[in-house]
Protein backbone atom coordinates (compact mmCIF):
# COMPACT_ATOMS: atom_id res chain seq x y z
CA GLN A 1 -3.85 -26.61 -171.16
CA VAL A 2 -1.62 -25.41 -173.23
CA GLN A 3 -2.98 -22.59 -175.92
CA LEU A 4 -0.65 -22.64 -178.89
CA VAL A 5 -0.76 -19.27 -181.52
CA GLU A 6 1.36 -19.50 -185.10
CA SER A 7 2.42 -15.98 -186.47
CA GLY A 8 4.42 -15.42 -189.39
CA GLY A 9 2.64 -16.70 -192.45
CA GLY A 10 1.40 -14.36 -195.73
CA LEU A 11 2.25 -14.19 -199.40
CA VAL A 12 5.76 -15.05 -200.35
CA GLN A 13 7.41 -14.90 -204.60
CA ALA A 14 8.61 -18.88 -205.25
CA GLY A 15 12.50 -18.44 -203.50
CA GLY A 16 11.95 -15.58 -200.56
CA SER A 17 11.38 -16.25 -196.77
CA LEU A 18 9.58 -17.06 -194.29
CA ARG A 19 9.62 -17.24 -190.56
CA LEU A 20 7.10 -18.67 -189.21
CA SER A 21 6.48 -17.88 -185.01
CA CYS A 22 4.48 -20.18 -182.05
CA ALA A 23 3.64 -18.82 -179.00
CA ALA A 24 2.68 -20.78 -175.78
CA SER A 25 1.30 -20.11 -173.17
CA GLY A 26 -0.58 -22.43 -170.44
CA ARG A 27 1.94 -24.29 -169.35
CA THR A 28 5.40 -25.41 -169.24
CA PHE A 29 6.63 -24.56 -172.38
CA SER A 30 9.93 -26.08 -172.05
CA ASN A 31 8.57 -29.81 -170.67
CA TYR A 32 6.62 -30.32 -173.97
CA ALA A 33 8.35 -31.48 -178.07
CA MET A 34 7.15 -29.84 -180.36
CA GLY A 35 6.06 -30.08 -184.13
CA TRP A 36 5.32 -28.10 -187.24
CA PHE A 37 3.12 -29.78 -189.62
CA ARG A 38 1.01 -28.33 -192.52
CA GLN A 39 -1.91 -29.26 -194.59
CA ALA A 40 -2.79 -28.08 -198.27
CA PRO A 41 -6.15 -27.99 -199.59
CA GLY A 42 -7.09 -31.26 -200.61
CA LYS A 43 -4.49 -33.22 -198.58
CA GLU A 44 -3.62 -35.09 -195.66
CA ARG A 45 -2.06 -32.88 -192.90
CA GLU A 46 1.59 -33.84 -193.01
CA PHE A 47 4.98 -33.36 -190.83
CA VAL A 48 7.05 -31.06 -191.53
CA ALA A 49 9.56 -29.98 -188.69
CA ALA A 50 9.65 -30.83 -185.02
CA ILE A 51 11.82 -30.74 -182.12
CA ASN A 52 12.58 -32.10 -178.40
CA TRP A 53 11.89 -29.66 -175.60
CA SER A 54 15.99 -29.00 -174.92
CA GLY A 55 15.66 -28.11 -178.59
CA GLY A 56 18.65 -30.35 -179.14
CA ILE A 57 17.52 -32.97 -181.27
CA LYS A 58 16.01 -31.42 -184.14
CA TYR A 59 13.68 -33.73 -187.21
CA CYS A 60 12.87 -32.55 -190.53
CA ALA A 61 10.49 -33.92 -193.48
CA ASP A 62 12.78 -35.47 -197.04
CA SER A 63 10.41 -32.57 -198.50
CA VAL A 64 12.09 -29.58 -196.47
CA LYS A 65 15.44 -30.51 -195.42
CA GLY A 66 18.21 -27.85 -195.85
CA ARG A 67 15.40 -25.30 -196.09
CA PHE A 68 13.29 -25.25 -192.97
CA THR A 69 14.92 -25.03 -190.09
CA ILE A 70 13.10 -25.33 -186.30
CA SER A 71 14.36 -24.09 -183.59
CA ARG A 72 13.17 -22.87 -179.86
CA ASP A 73 13.71 -20.50 -177.22
CA ASN A 74 12.02 -21.75 -174.07
CA ALA A 75 13.12 -18.33 -172.46
CA LYS A 76 10.40 -16.74 -175.24
CA ASN A 77 7.97 -19.97 -174.85
CA THR A 78 8.43 -19.67 -178.56
CA VAL A 79 8.81 -22.42 -181.29
CA TYR A 80 10.20 -20.98 -185.08
CA LEU A 81 10.01 -22.76 -188.40
CA GLN A 82 12.19 -20.75 -190.62
CA MET A 83 11.62 -21.66 -194.52
CA ASN A 84 14.42 -20.15 -196.87
CA SER A 85 13.71 -20.91 -201.24
CA LEU A 86 9.52 -21.71 -200.70
CA LYS A 87 8.00 -23.22 -203.52
CA PRO A 88 5.15 -23.49 -204.68
CA GLU A 89 4.51 -27.11 -203.47
CA ASP A 90 4.95 -25.32 -200.14
CA THR A 91 2.04 -23.60 -200.35
CA ALA A 92 -0.14 -24.94 -196.79
CA VAL A 93 -2.11 -24.22 -194.02
CA TYR A 94 0.96 -24.84 -191.38
CA TYR A 95 -0.08 -25.55 -187.43
CA CYS A 96 2.38 -25.92 -184.56
CA ALA A 97 1.74 -28.64 -181.77
CA ALA A 98 2.83 -29.82 -178.92
CA SER A 99 3.31 -32.93 -177.23
CA ALA A 100 3.25 -34.21 -173.39
CA SER A 101 4.94 -36.99 -174.80
CA PRO A 102 8.57 -37.54 -175.83
CA PHE A 103 9.40 -38.54 -179.53
CA ILE A 104 9.71 -42.08 -179.55
CA ASP A 105 10.09 -44.40 -183.04
CA GLY A 106 9.52 -41.76 -184.85
CA SER A 107 6.29 -40.66 -182.57
CA TYR A 108 7.31 -36.83 -183.93
CA TYR A 109 6.11 -37.54 -187.15
CA TYR A 110 2.25 -38.56 -186.59
CA PRO A 111 -0.29 -35.90 -185.89
CA ARG A 112 -1.83 -37.87 -183.55
CA ARG A 113 0.51 -38.23 -180.79
CA TYR A 114 0.84 -35.06 -180.43
CA ASP A 115 -1.85 -33.00 -177.69
CA TYR A 116 -2.24 -29.81 -178.59
CA TRP A 117 -2.88 -27.44 -181.95
CA GLY A 118 -2.71 -24.19 -182.75
CA GLN A 119 -5.06 -22.45 -185.52
CA GLY A 120 -3.11 -21.97 -188.23
CA THR A 121 -1.23 -19.97 -189.94
CA GLN A 122 -1.61 -19.45 -193.76
CA VAL A 123 1.48 -19.63 -196.79
CA THR A 124 1.31 -19.04 -199.86
CA VAL A 125 3.65 -19.12 -201.98
CA SER A 126 3.92 -17.13 -205.65
CA SER A 127 5.45 -19.11 -208.32
């Protein structure tokens, strides 16, 4: 079992920045690939970014490319999402997730491929 706790969400003006953190506990963090997803009201959960176990391979949705950066610190059992140049359309609940399986054939993109989820943190971007 892996427990994930997100933090760092909040209210920010358009153009601003936030850094989300996801702290993991329970099992060896470096054994897991990690992802960030978001879900806006009335919409499906969508992929934002993912990172492999070592941090050497990263994936990012086109909608956030060049603005968001995923990283991890295995010594601190934490994955981060640095969000810059935020837009109102980035408003959503952001979730981190852990996958016990390596990312193969684009599997990082699909929520069902992740084994554990955090409770989410709200990000609201005002115009």
